[in-house]
Amino acid sequence: MKKKILLIGACTFLLCGCGKIPTLSNGDEAVVQFKDGDKISANELYNEIKNTYGLTTLTNMIDKYVYEKELSDKKSDATEYAEAYLKQIRANYDTEDEYLQALSSMYGYQSEDAFKNVLYISYLQNEGIEKYVSDNITDDELKDYYDNNVYPSMTISHILIAPDVKDDATDEEKEKAEETAKNKVKDLIKELQKVDKDQIATKFAELAKANSEDSSTKDQGGSLGEINIGSLNSQYDELVSAAAKLKDGEFSTDVITTELGYHVILKTKTGEKKSYDDSLESMKESITNDKLTNNRSLIPEAIKYYRDKYELDIVDSELDREYGRYMNNLINSYSNTES
């Protein structure tokens, strides 16, 4: 039996006419009454709300129902996320009135509870999308990823040179700063190329201490320790991938670019490669992130999958048509972002 989506919780709908426009069983009763006897009825209020906020409210209610069913173990995480997000906003304001005014003017919510509910649903939806993509990764994709993208642990040192770009810099100034940083890395590589192989580690440590802008590693000769994909945050993934191509004792002769800036790296030791089973969860996470980055159409596909799974039947035919148009627009908007 199809599950009906009821828009007004405790009220009963009576279907009338072939258009399937719900009316409330108490719909003629007044919500507001004027002294001359005129009134605003419950049905009038429902129709007004439907025509202004109805679709947004409906999709939020659908998603809350669906994702709480699918991801019941994530509800507390979603609540914590929403509360932490609001707490971060609140910290920017001295009074409660200023905070609530900011929620209204900057975010468009008239109450903290309303915004918290949307944050809660958004967290669950994001988790659901990732789960959908992860659950649909094939064995062949996993094997290919293991063979080509899972590396042995590596002991690596690096020197980071970040472009000196001010917030108000022009495009020309930014480009000049980027070029200056790259050239500095090239000069460091030339310095390393001048020394004998058995002196490279010592020279690298000296150059790191004198030049690296990674304050957490420069005094240790730039040492990142034993790392792999996932050991550090994703900003280092390009660096780890480049290190996998080096032999022990080799340094990079091309400038390595990451979100942090530009690097030269030294690989000193190669460790063991994790087994396929031990790598499974991290592989799924990496493949999922790659897919969602490179194939944005998976997002509406996942949303549609969960909603269709519960066979929702929108009783109000007007809202049903609006929902159909909304889903088509959602799918098309993500399809249009594909390169």
C-alpha atoms as a PDB file:
ATOM      1  CA  MET A   1       0.000   0.000   0.000  1.00  0.00           C
ATOM      2  CA  LYS A   2       1.353   3.425  -0.912  1.00  0.00           C
ATOM      3  CA  LYS A   3       2.247   5.749   1.925  1.00  0.00           C
ATOM      4  CA  LYS A   4       0.344   9.021   1.859  1.00  0.00           C
ATOM      5  CA  ILE A   5       2.127  12.276   2.597  1.00  0.00           C
ATOM      6  CA  LEU A   6      -0.158  14.284   4.861  1.00  0.00           C
ATOM      7  CA  LEU A   7       0.612  17.972   4.995  1.00  0.00           C
ATOM      8  CA  ILE A   8      -1.246  18.965   8.159  1.00  0.00           C
ATOM      9  CA  GLY A   9      -0.389  16.473  10.861  1.00  0.00           C
ATOM     10  CA  ALA A  10      -3.413  16.047  13.105  1.00  0.00           C
ATOM     11  CA  CYS A  11      -6.118  17.130  10.649  1.00  0.00           C
ATOM     12  CA  THR A  12      -8.064  14.744   8.455  1.00  0.00           C
ATOM     13  CA  PHE A  13      -8.244  15.287   4.679  1.00  0.00           C
ATOM     14  CA  LEU A  14     -11.472  14.850   2.719  1.00  0.00           C
ATOM     15  CA  LEU A  15     -10.857  14.443  -1.003  1.00  0.00           C
ATOM     16  CA  CYS A  16     -13.302  16.291  -3.185  1.00  0.00           C
ATOM     17  CA  GLY A  17     -13.636  16.609  -6.929  1.00  0.00           C
ATOM     18  CA  CYS A  18     -11.662  14.902  -9.667  1.00  0.00           C
ATOM     19  CA  GLY A  19      -8.648  17.175  -9.119  1.00  0.00           C
ATOM     20  CA  LYS A  20      -7.810  15.645  -5.765  1.00  0.00           C
ATOM     21  CA  ILE A  21      -7.535  18.919  -3.860  1.00  0.00           C
ATOM     22  CA  PRO A  22      -7.646  18.070  -0.150  1.00  0.00           C
ATOM     23  CA  THR A  23      -9.857  19.975   2.225  1.00  0.00           C
ATOM     24  CA  LEU A  24      -9.656  19.769   5.969  1.00  0.00           C
ATOM     25  CA  SER A  25     -12.516  18.103   7.803  1.00  0.00           C
ATOM     26  CA  ASN A  26     -12.704  21.236   9.920  1.00  0.00           C
ATOM     27  CA  GLY A  27     -11.782  23.404   6.941  1.00  0.00           C
ATOM     28  CA  ASP A  28     -14.747  25.786   7.161  1.00  0.00           C
ATOM     29  CA  GLU A  29     -13.981  26.667  10.736  1.00  0.00           C
ATOM     30  CA  ALA A  30     -12.446  30.070  11.257  1.00  0.00           C
ATOM     31  CA  VAL A  31      -8.765  30.520  11.960  1.00  0.00           C
ATOM     32  CA  VAL A  32      -9.376  34.284  12.149  1.00  0.00           C
ATOM     33  CA  GLN A  33     -12.759  35.929  12.633  1.00  0.00           C
ATOM     34  CA  PHE A  34     -13.573  39.601  12.122  1.00  0.00           C
ATOM     35  CA  LYS A  35     -16.166  41.652  14.012  1.00  0.00           C
ATOM     36  CA  ASP A  36     -18.449  41.884  10.952  1.00  0.00           C
ATOM     37  CA  GLY A  37     -18.655  38.087  10.826  1.00  0.00           C
ATOM     38  CA  ASP A  38     -16.189  37.514   8.002  1.00  0.00           C
ATOM     39  CA  LYS A  39     -13.483  34.939   8.581  1.00  0.00           C
ATOM     40  CA  ILE A  40     -10.326  33.319   7.272  1.00  0.00           C
ATOM     41  CA  SER A  41     -11.011  29.603   7.195  1.00  0.00           C
ATOM     42  CA  ALA A  42      -8.665  26.697   7.775  1.00  0.00           C
ATOM     43  CA  ASN A  43      -8.941  25.751   4.099  1.00  0.00           C
ATOM     44  CA  GLU A  44      -8.037  29.283   3.012  1.00  0.00           C
ATOM     45  CA  LEU A  45      -5.021  29.216   5.297  1.00  0.00           C
ATOM     46  CA  TYR A  46      -3.955  25.818   3.955  1.00  0.00           C
ATOM     47  CA  ASN A  47      -4.199  26.987   0.336  1.00  0.00           C
ATOM     48  CA  GLU A  48      -2.263  30.162   1.054  1.00  0.00           C
ATOM     49  CA  ILE A  49       0.514  28.260   2.807  1.00  0.00           C
ATOM     50  CA  LYS A  50       0.548  25.665   0.026  1.00  0.00           C
ATOM     51  CA  ASN A  51       0.977  28.321  -2.637  1.00  0.00           C
ATOM     52  CA  THR A  52       3.821  30.096  -0.851  1.00  0.00           C
ATOM     53  CA  TYR A  53       5.817  27.608   1.212  1.00  0.00           C
ATOM     54  CA  GLY A  54       4.073  24.365   0.387  1.00  0.00           C
ATOM     55  CA  LEU A  55       6.637  22.665  -1.852  1.00  0.00           C
ATOM     56  CA  THR A  56       9.619  23.519   0.337  1.00  0.00           C
ATOM     57  CA  THR A  57       7.803  22.374   3.459  1.00  0.00           C
ATOM     58  CA  LEU A  58       6.625  19.232   1.703  1.00  0.00           C
ATOM     59  CA  THR A  59      10.068  18.150   0.484  1.00  0.00           C
ATOM     60  CA  ASN A  60      11.552  18.799   3.933  1.00  0.00           C
ATOM     61  CA  MET A  61       8.854  16.644   5.544  1.00  0.00           C
ATOM     62  CA  ILE A  62       9.373  13.898   2.971  1.00  0.00           C
ATOM     63  CA  ASP A  63      13.132  13.881   3.464  1.00  0.00           C
ATOM     64  CA  LYS A  64      12.899  13.933   7.241  1.00  0.00           C
ATOM     65  CA  TYR A  65      10.577  10.916   7.161  1.00  0.00           C
ATOM     66  CA  VAL A  66      12.645   9.001   4.593  1.00  0.00           C
ATOM     67  CA  TYR A  67      16.124   9.614   5.974  1.00  0.00           C
ATOM     68  CA  GLU A  68      15.128   8.999   9.570  1.00  0.00           C
ATOM     69  CA  LYS A  69      13.897   5.581   8.390  1.00  0.00           C
ATOM     70  CA  GLU A  70      17.019   4.902   6.314  1.00  0.00           C
ATOM     71  CA  LEU A  71      19.613   6.365   8.685  1.00  0.00           C
ATOM     72  CA  SER A  72      18.206   5.985  12.174  1.00  0.00           C
ATOM     73  CA  ASP A  73      21.742   5.508  13.521  1.00  0.00           C
ATOM     74  CA  LYS A  74      22.728   8.964  12.220  1.00  0.00           C
ATOM     75  CA  LYS A  75      19.969  11.000  13.884  1.00  0.00           C
ATOM     76  CA  SER A  76      22.026  11.937  16.934  1.00  0.00           C
ATOM     77  CA  ASP A  77      24.950  12.950  14.701  1.00  0.00           C
ATOM     78  CA  ALA A  78      22.598  15.135  12.660  1.00  0.00           C
ATOM     79  CA  THR A  79      21.288  16.794  15.806  1.00  0.00           C
ATOM     80  CA  GLU A  80      24.814  17.450  17.083  1.00  0.00           C
ATOM     81  CA  TYR A  81      25.801  18.918  13.707  1.00  0.00           C
ATOM     82  CA  ALA A  82      22.807  21.267  13.628  1.00  0.00           C
ATOM     83  CA  GLU A  83      23.369  22.413  17.214  1.00  0.00           C
ATOM     84  CA  ALA A  84      27.093  23.003  16.626  1.00  0.00           C
ATOM     85  CA  TYR A  85      26.368  24.985  13.456  1.00  0.00           C
ATOM     86  CA  LEU A  86      23.914  27.237  15.263  1.00  0.00           C
ATOM     87  CA  LYS A  87      26.256  27.626  18.209  1.00  0.00           C
ATOM     88  CA  GLN A  88      28.941  28.855  15.838  1.00  0.00           C
ATOM     89  CA  ILE A  89      26.590  31.464  14.409  1.00  0.00           C
ATOM     90  CA  ARG A  90      25.374  32.501  17.857  1.00  0.00           C
ATOM     91  CA  ALA A  91      28.958  33.173  18.993  1.00  0.00           C
ATOM     92  CA  ASN A  92      29.136  36.104  16.572  1.00  0.00           C
ATOM     93  CA  TYR A  93      26.375  38.065  18.324  1.00  0.00           C
ATOM     94  CA  ASP A  94      26.167  39.707  21.730  1.00  0.00           C
ATOM     95  CA  THR A  95      22.440  39.347  22.323  1.00  0.00           C
ATOM     96  CA  GLU A  96      19.699  36.863  21.571  1.00  0.00           C
ATOM     97  CA  ASP A  97      17.802  39.485  19.571  1.00  0.00           C
ATOM     98  CA  GLU A  98      20.811  40.126  17.318  1.00  0.00           C
ATOM     99  CA  TYR A  99      21.250  36.393  16.812  1.00  0.00           C
ATOM    100  CA  LEU A 100      17.607  35.836  15.859  1.00  0.00           C
ATOM    101  CA  GLN A 101      17.678  38.870  13.581  1.00  0.00           C
ATOM    102  CA  ALA A 102      20.701  37.373  11.790  1.00  0.00           C
ATOM    103  CA  LEU A 103      18.908  34.058  11.321  1.00  0.00           C
ATOM    104  CA  SER A 104      16.078  35.972   9.672  1.00  0.00           C
ATOM    105  CA  SER A 105      18.011  38.467   7.557  1.00  0.00           C
ATOM    106  CA  MET A 106      20.999  36.347   6.545  1.00  0.00           C
ATOM    107  CA  TYR A 107      19.549  32.842   6.427  1.00  0.00           C
ATOM    108  CA  GLY A 108      15.830  33.451   5.937  1.00  0.00           C
ATOM    109  CA  TYR A 109      14.519  31.614   9.012  1.00  0.00           C
ATOM    110  CA  GLN A 110      12.115  33.146  11.505  1.00  0.00           C
ATOM    111  CA  SER A 111      13.123  30.870  14.365  1.00  0.00           C
ATOM    112  CA  GLU A 112      16.083  28.852  15.535  1.00  0.00           C
ATOM    113  CA  ASP A 113      14.025  25.650  15.504  1.00  0.00           C
ATOM    114  CA  ALA A 114      13.141  26.117  11.831  1.00  0.00           C
ATOM    115  CA  PHE A 115      16.779  26.541  10.821  1.00  0.00           C
ATOM    116  CA  LYS A 116      17.858  23.686  13.076  1.00  0.00           C
ATOM    117  CA  ASN A 117      15.341  21.394  11.380  1.00  0.00           C
ATOM    118  CA  VAL A 118      16.700  22.232   7.917  1.00  0.00           C
ATOM    119  CA  LEU A 119      20.303  21.690   9.061  1.00  0.00           C
ATOM    120  CA  TYR A 120      19.287  18.376  10.609  1.00  0.00           C
ATOM    121  CA  ILE A 121      17.590  17.209   7.401  1.00  0.00           C
ATOM    122  CA  SER A 122      20.475  18.432   5.223  1.00  0.00           C
ATOM    123  CA  TYR A 123      22.960  16.410   7.269  1.00  0.00           C
ATOM    124  CA  LEU A 124      20.886  13.248   6.929  1.00  0.00           C
ATOM    125  CA  GLN A 125      20.381  13.854   3.207  1.00  0.00           C
ATOM    126  CA  ASN A 126      24.114  14.247   2.682  1.00  0.00           C
ATOM    127  CA  GLU A 127      24.760  11.023   4.574  1.00  0.00           C
ATOM    128  CA  GLY A 128      22.079   9.302   2.510  1.00  0.00           C
ATOM    129  CA  ILE A 129      23.585  10.469  -0.789  1.00  0.00           C
ATOM    130  CA  GLU A 130      27.025   9.216   0.222  1.00  0.00           C
ATOM    131  CA  LYS A 131      25.547   5.890   1.333  1.00  0.00           C
ATOM    132  CA  TYR A 132      23.713   5.484  -1.981  1.00  0.00           C
ATOM    133  CA  VAL A 133      26.880   6.078  -3.997  1.00  0.00           C
ATOM    134  CA  SER A 134      28.983   3.875  -1.725  1.00  0.00           C
ATOM    135  CA  ASP A 135      26.459   1.018  -1.838  1.00  0.00           C
ATOM    136  CA  ASN A 136      26.575   1.061  -5.648  1.00  0.00           C
ATOM    137  CA  ILE A 137      30.354   0.804  -6.049  1.00  0.00           C
ATOM    138  CA  THR A 138      31.147  -2.377  -7.979  1.00  0.00           C
ATOM    139  CA  ASP A 139      33.731  -5.029  -7.108  1.00  0.00           C
ATOM    140  CA  ASP A 140      35.587  -4.185 -10.325  1.00  0.00           C
ATOM    141  CA  GLU A 141      35.818  -0.526  -9.312  1.00  0.00           C
ATOM    142  CA  LEU A 142      37.184  -1.505  -5.913  1.00  0.00           C
ATOM    143  CA  LYS A 143      39.767  -3.895  -7.375  1.00  0.00           C
ATOM    144  CA  ASP A 144      40.912  -1.320  -9.905  1.00  0.00           C
ATOM    145  CA  TYR A 145      41.228   1.298  -7.174  1.00  0.00           C
ATOM    146  CA  TYR A 146      43.205  -1.070  -4.952  1.00  0.00           C
ATOM    147  CA  ASP A 147      45.629  -1.927  -7.758  1.00  0.00           C
ATOM    148  CA  ASN A 148      46.206   1.662  -8.880  1.00  0.00           C
ATOM    149  CA  ASN A 149      45.463   3.982  -5.976  1.00  0.00           C
ATOM    150  CA  VAL A 150      46.214   2.182  -2.727  1.00  0.00           C
ATOM    151  CA  TYR A 151      49.846   2.772  -1.899  1.00  0.00           C
ATOM    152  CA  PRO A 152      52.205   1.263   0.649  1.00  0.00           C
ATOM    153  CA  SER A 153      52.836   3.491   3.638  1.00  0.00           C
ATOM    154  CA  MET A 154      55.653   5.932   2.907  1.00  0.00           C
ATOM    155  CA  THR A 155      57.984   8.010   5.051  1.00  0.00           C
ATOM    156  CA  ILE A 156      58.031  11.458   3.469  1.00  0.00           C
ATOM    157  CA  SER A 157      59.458  14.895   4.107  1.00  0.00           C
ATOM    158  CA  HIS A 158      58.335  18.035   2.329  1.00  0.00           C
ATOM    159  CA  ILE A 159      59.101  21.714   1.898  1.00  0.00           C
ATOM    160  CA  LEU A 160      56.059  23.933   1.437  1.00  0.00           C
ATOM    161  CA  ILE A 161      56.192  27.292  -0.289  1.00  0.00           C
ATOM    162  CA  ALA A 162      52.863  29.126  -0.246  1.00  0.00           C
ATOM    163  CA  PRO A 163      52.122  32.097  -2.529  1.00  0.00           C
ATOM    164  CA  ASP A 164      52.122  35.405  -0.670  1.00  0.00           C
ATOM    165  CA  VAL A 165      48.678  36.563  -1.766  1.00  0.00           C
ATOM    166  CA  LYS A 166      46.874  39.333   0.099  1.00  0.00           C
ATOM    167  CA  ASP A 167      43.078  39.290   0.394  1.00  0.00           C
ATOM    168  CA  ASP A 168      42.685  42.373  -1.800  1.00  0.00           C
ATOM    169  CA  ALA A 169      45.220  41.286  -4.428  1.00  0.00           C
ATOM    170  CA  THR A 170      44.397  41.743  -8.102  1.00  0.00           C
ATOM    171  CA  ASP A 171      44.446  38.817 -10.509  1.00  0.00           C
ATOM    172  CA  GLU A 172      47.777  40.023 -11.844  1.00  0.00           C
ATOM    173  CA  GLU A 173      49.243  40.207  -8.322  1.00  0.00           C
ATOM    174  CA  LYS A 174      47.946  36.724  -7.523  1.00  0.00           C
ATOM    175  CA  GLU A 175      49.473  35.309 -10.701  1.00  0.00           C
ATOM    176  CA  LYS A 176      52.808  36.960  -9.897  1.00  0.00           C
ATOM    177  CA  ALA A 177      52.774  35.565  -6.342  1.00  0.00           C
ATOM    178  CA  GLU A 178      52.003  32.063  -7.661  1.00  0.00           C
ATOM    179  CA  GLU A 179      54.879  32.277 -10.133  1.00  0.00           C
ATOM    180  CA  THR A 180      57.272  33.510  -7.429  1.00  0.00           C
ATOM    181  CA  ALA A 181      56.373  30.564  -5.177  1.00  0.00           C
ATOM    182  CA  LYS A 182      56.826  28.046  -7.998  1.00  0.00           C
ATOM    183  CA  ASN A 183      60.206  29.488  -8.916  1.00  0.00           C
ATOM    184  CA  LYS A 184      61.350  29.236  -5.313  1.00  0.00           C
ATOM    185  CA  VAL A 185      60.494  25.512  -5.302  1.00  0.00           C
ATOM    186  CA  LYS A 186      62.400  25.100  -8.583  1.00  0.00           C
ATOM    187  CA  ASP A 187      65.426  26.783  -6.989  1.00  0.00           C
ATOM    188  CA  LEU A 188      65.239  24.375  -4.020  1.00  0.00           C
ATOM    189  CA  ILE A 189      65.161  21.427  -6.427  1.00  0.00           C
ATOM    190  CA  LYS A 190      68.305  22.784  -8.136  1.00  0.00           C
ATOM    191  CA  GLU A 191      70.002  23.014  -4.741  1.00  0.00           C
ATOM    192  CA  LEU A 192      69.217  19.355  -4.044  1.00  0.00           C
ATOM    193  CA  GLN A 193      70.486  18.315  -7.466  1.00  0.00           C
ATOM    194  CA  LYS A 194      73.912  19.719  -6.641  1.00  0.00           C
ATOM    195  CA  VAL A 195      74.634  17.378  -3.711  1.00  0.00           C
ATOM    196  CA  ASP A 196      75.752  13.746  -3.649  1.00  0.00           C
ATOM    197  CA  LYS A 197      73.067  11.100  -3.135  1.00  0.00           C
ATOM    198  CA  ASP A 198      74.232  10.239   0.387  1.00  0.00           C
ATOM    199  CA  GLN A 199      73.928  13.899   1.404  1.00  0.00           C
ATOM    200  CA  ILE A 200      70.424  14.519   0.050  1.00  0.00           C
ATOM    201  CA  ALA A 201      68.579  13.804   3.320  1.00  0.00           C
ATOM    202  CA  THR A 202      70.839  16.171   5.272  1.00  0.00           C
ATOM    203  CA  LYS A 203      70.577  18.916   2.667  1.00  0.00           C
ATOM    204  CA  PHE A 204      66.804  18.483   2.422  1.00  0.00           C
ATOM    205  CA  ALA A 205      66.447  18.921   6.192  1.00  0.00           C
ATOM    206  CA  GLU A 206      68.551  22.093   6.063  1.00  0.00           C
ATOM    207  CA  LEU A 207      66.499  23.557   3.246  1.00  0.00           C
ATOM    208  CA  ALA A 208      63.237  22.663   4.995  1.00  0.00           C
ATOM    209  CA  LYS A 209      64.264  24.368   8.210  1.00  0.00           C
ATOM    210  CA  ALA A 210      65.345  27.498   6.347  1.00  0.00           C
ATOM    211  CA  ASN A 211      62.537  27.746   3.794  1.00  0.00           C
ATOM    212  CA  SER A 212      59.445  25.647   4.513  1.00  0.00           C
ATOM    213  CA  GLU A 213      56.273  27.464   5.449  1.00  0.00           C
ATOM    214  CA  ASP A 214      54.832  24.408   7.196  1.00  0.00           C
ATOM    215  CA  SER A 215      55.593  25.495  10.764  1.00  0.00           C
ATOM    216  CA  SER A 216      54.591  22.100  12.184  1.00  0.00           C
ATOM    217  CA  THR A 217      57.292  20.168  10.269  1.00  0.00           C
ATOM    218  CA  LYS A 218      60.080  22.570   9.238  1.00  0.00           C
ATOM    219  CA  ASP A 219      62.106  22.130  12.438  1.00  0.00           C
ATOM    220  CA  GLN A 220      61.954  18.343  11.962  1.00  0.00           C
ATOM    221  CA  GLY A 221      63.479  18.631   8.497  1.00  0.00           C
ATOM    222  CA  GLY A 222      60.048  18.741   6.891  1.00  0.00           C
ATOM    223  CA  SER A 223      59.186  15.233   8.086  1.00  0.00           C
ATOM    224  CA  LEU A 224      55.567  14.188   7.678  1.00  0.00           C
ATOM    225  CA  GLY A 225      56.360  10.765   9.146  1.00  0.00           C
ATOM    226  CA  GLU A 226      54.829   7.594   7.778  1.00  0.00           C
ATOM    227  CA  ILE A 227      51.782   8.571   5.775  1.00  0.00           C
ATOM    228  CA  ASN A 228      49.388   7.400   3.096  1.00  0.00           C
ATOM    229  CA  ILE A 229      46.188   8.574   1.439  1.00  0.00           C
ATOM    230  CA  GLY A 230      43.873   9.372   4.332  1.00  0.00           C
ATOM    231  CA  SER A 231      46.631   9.771   6.929  1.00  0.00           C
ATOM    232  CA  LEU A 232      46.461  13.546   6.519  1.00  0.00           C
ATOM    233  CA  ASN A 233      43.595  15.641   5.250  1.00  0.00           C
ATOM    234  CA  SER A 234      42.692  15.547   1.573  1.00  0.00           C
ATOM    235  CA  GLN A 235      44.810  18.645   0.859  1.00  0.00           C
ATOM    236  CA  TYR A 236      47.831  16.340   0.847  1.00  0.00           C
ATOM    237  CA  ASP A 237      46.463  13.697  -1.536  1.00  0.00           C
ATOM    238  CA  GLU A 238      48.340  15.033  -4.574  1.00  0.00           C
ATOM    239  CA  LEU A 239      51.538  15.030  -2.551  1.00  0.00           C
ATOM    240  CA  VAL A 240      51.064  11.402  -1.488  1.00  0.00           C
ATOM    241  CA  SER A 241      50.272  10.369  -5.069  1.00  0.00           C
ATOM    242  CA  ALA A 242      53.475  12.026  -6.279  1.00  0.00           C
ATOM    243  CA  ALA A 243      55.490  10.326  -3.529  1.00  0.00           C
ATOM    244  CA  ALA A 244      54.240   6.910  -4.638  1.00  0.00           C
ATOM    245  CA  LYS A 245      56.096   7.381  -7.934  1.00  0.00           C
ATOM    246  CA  LEU A 246      59.440   7.968  -6.217  1.00  0.00           C
ATOM    247  CA  LYS A 247      61.991   5.388  -5.118  1.00  0.00           C
ATOM    248  CA  ASP A 248      63.390   5.469  -1.599  1.00  0.00           C
ATOM    249  CA  GLY A 249      65.969   8.249  -1.329  1.00  0.00           C
ATOM    250  CA  GLU A 250      64.558  10.172  -4.302  1.00  0.00           C
ATOM    251  CA  PHE A 251      63.171  13.703  -4.242  1.00  0.00           C
ATOM    252  CA  SER A 252      60.627  15.223  -6.614  1.00  0.00           C
ATOM    253  CA  THR A 253      62.091  17.081  -9.581  1.00  0.00           C
ATOM    254  CA  ASP A 254      58.778  18.631 -10.649  1.00  0.00           C
ATOM    255  CA  VAL A 255      56.874  21.200  -8.623  1.00  0.00           C
ATOM    256  CA  ILE A 256      54.054  19.484  -6.716  1.00  0.00           C
ATOM    257  CA  THR A 257      50.901  21.587  -6.422  1.00  0.00           C
ATOM    258  CA  THR A 258      48.301  21.167  -3.664  1.00  0.00           C
ATOM    259  CA  GLU A 259      45.632  23.390  -2.146  1.00  0.00           C
ATOM    260  CA  LEU A 260      48.254  24.514   0.367  1.00  0.00           C
ATOM    261  CA  GLY A 261      50.799  25.746  -2.171  1.00  0.00           C
ATOM    262  CA  TYR A 262      53.850  24.247  -3.873  1.00  0.00           C
ATOM    263  CA  HIS A 263      56.105  21.478  -2.609  1.00  0.00           C
ATOM    264  CA  VAL A 264      59.286  19.535  -3.099  1.00  0.00           C
ATOM    265  CA  ILE A 265      59.257  16.147  -1.348  1.00  0.00           C
ATOM    266  CA  LEU A 266      61.752  13.497  -0.293  1.00  0.00           C
ATOM    267  CA  LYS A 267      60.764   9.863   0.064  1.00  0.00           C
ATOM    268  CA  THR A 268      62.991   7.993   2.539  1.00  0.00           C
ATOM    269  CA  LYS A 269      61.238   4.680   3.123  1.00  0.00           C
ATOM    270  CA  THR A 270      58.505   2.478   1.644  1.00  0.00           C
ATOM    271  CA  GLY A 271      56.460   0.349   4.026  1.00  0.00           C
ATOM    272  CA  GLU A 272      53.851  -2.369   3.551  1.00  0.00           C
ATOM    273  CA  LYS A 273      50.697  -2.069   1.499  1.00  0.00           C
ATOM    274  CA  LYS A 274      47.474  -2.688   3.405  1.00  0.00           C
ATOM    275  CA  SER A 275      45.461  -5.734   2.445  1.00  0.00           C
ATOM    276  CA  TYR A 276      42.397  -5.373   0.245  1.00  0.00           C
ATOM    277  CA  ASP A 277      40.050  -6.071   3.164  1.00  0.00           C
ATOM    278  CA  ASP A 278      41.792  -3.591   5.448  1.00  0.00           C
ATOM    279  CA  SER A 279      41.603  -0.954   2.708  1.00  0.00           C
ATOM    280  CA  LEU A 280      37.943  -1.536   1.864  1.00  0.00           C
ATOM    281  CA  GLU A 281      36.312   1.221   3.924  1.00  0.00           C
ATOM    282  CA  SER A 282      38.842   3.887   2.969  1.00  0.00           C
ATOM    283  CA  MET A 283      38.568   2.866  -0.708  1.00  0.00           C
ATOM    284  CA  LYS A 284      34.796   3.200  -0.635  1.00  0.00           C
ATOM    285  CA  GLU A 285      35.089   6.629   0.968  1.00  0.00           C
ATOM    286  CA  SER A 286      37.615   7.821  -1.627  1.00  0.00           C
ATOM    287  CA  ILE A 287      35.670   6.435  -4.588  1.00  0.00           C
ATOM    288  CA  THR A 288      32.454   7.966  -3.254  1.00  0.00           C
ATOM    289  CA  ASN A 289      34.084  11.388  -2.896  1.00  0.00           C
ATOM    290  CA  ASP A 290      35.567  11.137  -6.393  1.00  0.00           C
ATOM    291  CA  LYS A 291      32.233  10.166  -7.907  1.00  0.00           C
ATOM    292  CA  LEU A 292      30.309  12.955  -6.215  1.00  0.00           C
ATOM    293  CA  THR A 293      32.962  15.461  -7.309  1.00  0.00           C
ATOM    294  CA  ASN A 294      33.080  14.321 -10.923  1.00  0.00           C
ATOM    295  CA  ASN A 295      29.483  13.188 -11.471  1.00  0.00           C
ATOM    296  CA  ARG A 296      27.112  15.616  -9.798  1.00  0.00           C
ATOM    297  CA  SER A 297      24.082  13.975 -11.401  1.00  0.00           C
ATOM    298  CA  LEU A 298      24.428  11.255  -8.764  1.00  0.00           C
ATOM    299  CA  ILE A 299      23.031  13.699  -6.201  1.00  0.00           C
ATOM    300  CA  PRO A 300      19.476  13.977  -7.608  1.00  0.00           C
ATOM    301  CA  GLU A 301      19.671  10.287  -8.571  1.00  0.00           C
ATOM    302  CA  ALA A 302      20.235   9.404  -4.917  1.00  0.00           C
ATOM    303  CA  ILE A 303      17.518  11.786  -3.690  1.00  0.00           C
ATOM    304  CA  LYS A 304      15.029  10.281  -6.153  1.00  0.00           C
ATOM    305  CA  TYR A 305      16.041   6.740  -5.174  1.00  0.00           C
ATOM    306  CA  TYR A 306      15.202   7.227  -1.492  1.00  0.00           C
ATOM    307  CA  ARG A 307      11.945   9.032  -2.148  1.00  0.00           C
ATOM    308  CA  ASP A 308      10.820   6.459  -4.719  1.00  0.00           C
ATOM    309  CA  LYS A 309      11.708   3.632  -2.340  1.00  0.00           C
ATOM    310  CA  TYR A 310       8.907   4.740  -0.013  1.00  0.00           C
ATOM    311  CA  GLU A 311       6.383   5.045  -2.852  1.00  0.00           C
ATOM    312  CA  LEU A 312       5.189   8.444  -1.718  1.00  0.00           C
ATOM    313  CA  ASP A 313       1.801   9.488  -3.034  1.00  0.00           C
ATOM    314  CA  ILE A 314       1.195  13.238  -2.859  1.00  0.00           C
ATOM    315  CA  VAL A 315      -2.548  13.513  -2.402  1.00  0.00           C
ATOM    316  CA  ASP A 316      -2.845  17.137  -3.445  1.00  0.00           C
ATOM    317  CA  SER A 317      -2.682  17.077  -7.255  1.00  0.00           C
ATOM    318  CA  GLU A 318      -1.473  20.674  -7.468  1.00  0.00           C
ATOM    319  CA  LEU A 319       1.424  19.962  -5.139  1.00  0.00           C
ATOM    320  CA  ASP A 320       2.033  16.707  -6.998  1.00  0.00           C
ATOM    321  CA  ARG A 321       2.477  18.626 -10.263  1.00  0.00           C
ATOM    322  CA  GLU A 322       4.732  21.140  -8.554  1.00  0.00           C
ATOM    323  CA  TYR A 323       6.778  18.319  -7.083  1.00  0.00           C
ATOM    324  CA  GLY A 324       7.169  16.707 -10.530  1.00  0.00           C
ATOM    325  CA  ARG A 325       8.419  19.972 -12.020  1.00  0.00           C
ATOM    326  CA  TYR A 326      10.742  20.482  -9.068  1.00  0.00           C
ATOM    327  CA  MET A 327      12.307  17.013  -9.502  1.00  0.00           C
ATOM    328  CA  ASN A 328      12.781  17.564 -13.242  1.00  0.00           C
ATOM    329  CA  ASN A 329      14.447  20.914 -12.581  1.00  0.00           C
ATOM    330  CA  LEU A 330      16.653  19.345  -9.912  1.00  0.00           C
ATOM    331  CA  ILE A 331      17.815  16.587 -12.253  1.00  0.00           C
ATOM    332  CA  ASN A 332      18.386  19.029 -15.135  1.00  0.00           C
ATOM    333  CA  SER A 333      20.284  21.516 -12.983  1.00  0.00           C
ATOM    334  CA  TYR A 334      22.824  18.897 -11.915  1.00  0.00           C
ATOM    335  CA  SER A 335      23.035  17.446 -15.418  1.00  0.00           C
ATOM    336  CA  ASN A 336      23.906  20.895 -16.732  1.00  0.00           C
ATOM    337  CA  THR A 337      26.874  21.135 -14.356  1.00  0.00           C
ATOM    338  CA  GLU A 338      28.568  18.154 -15.997  1.00  0.00           C
ATOM    339  CA  SER A 339      31.524  19.103 -18.162  1.00  0.00           C
END
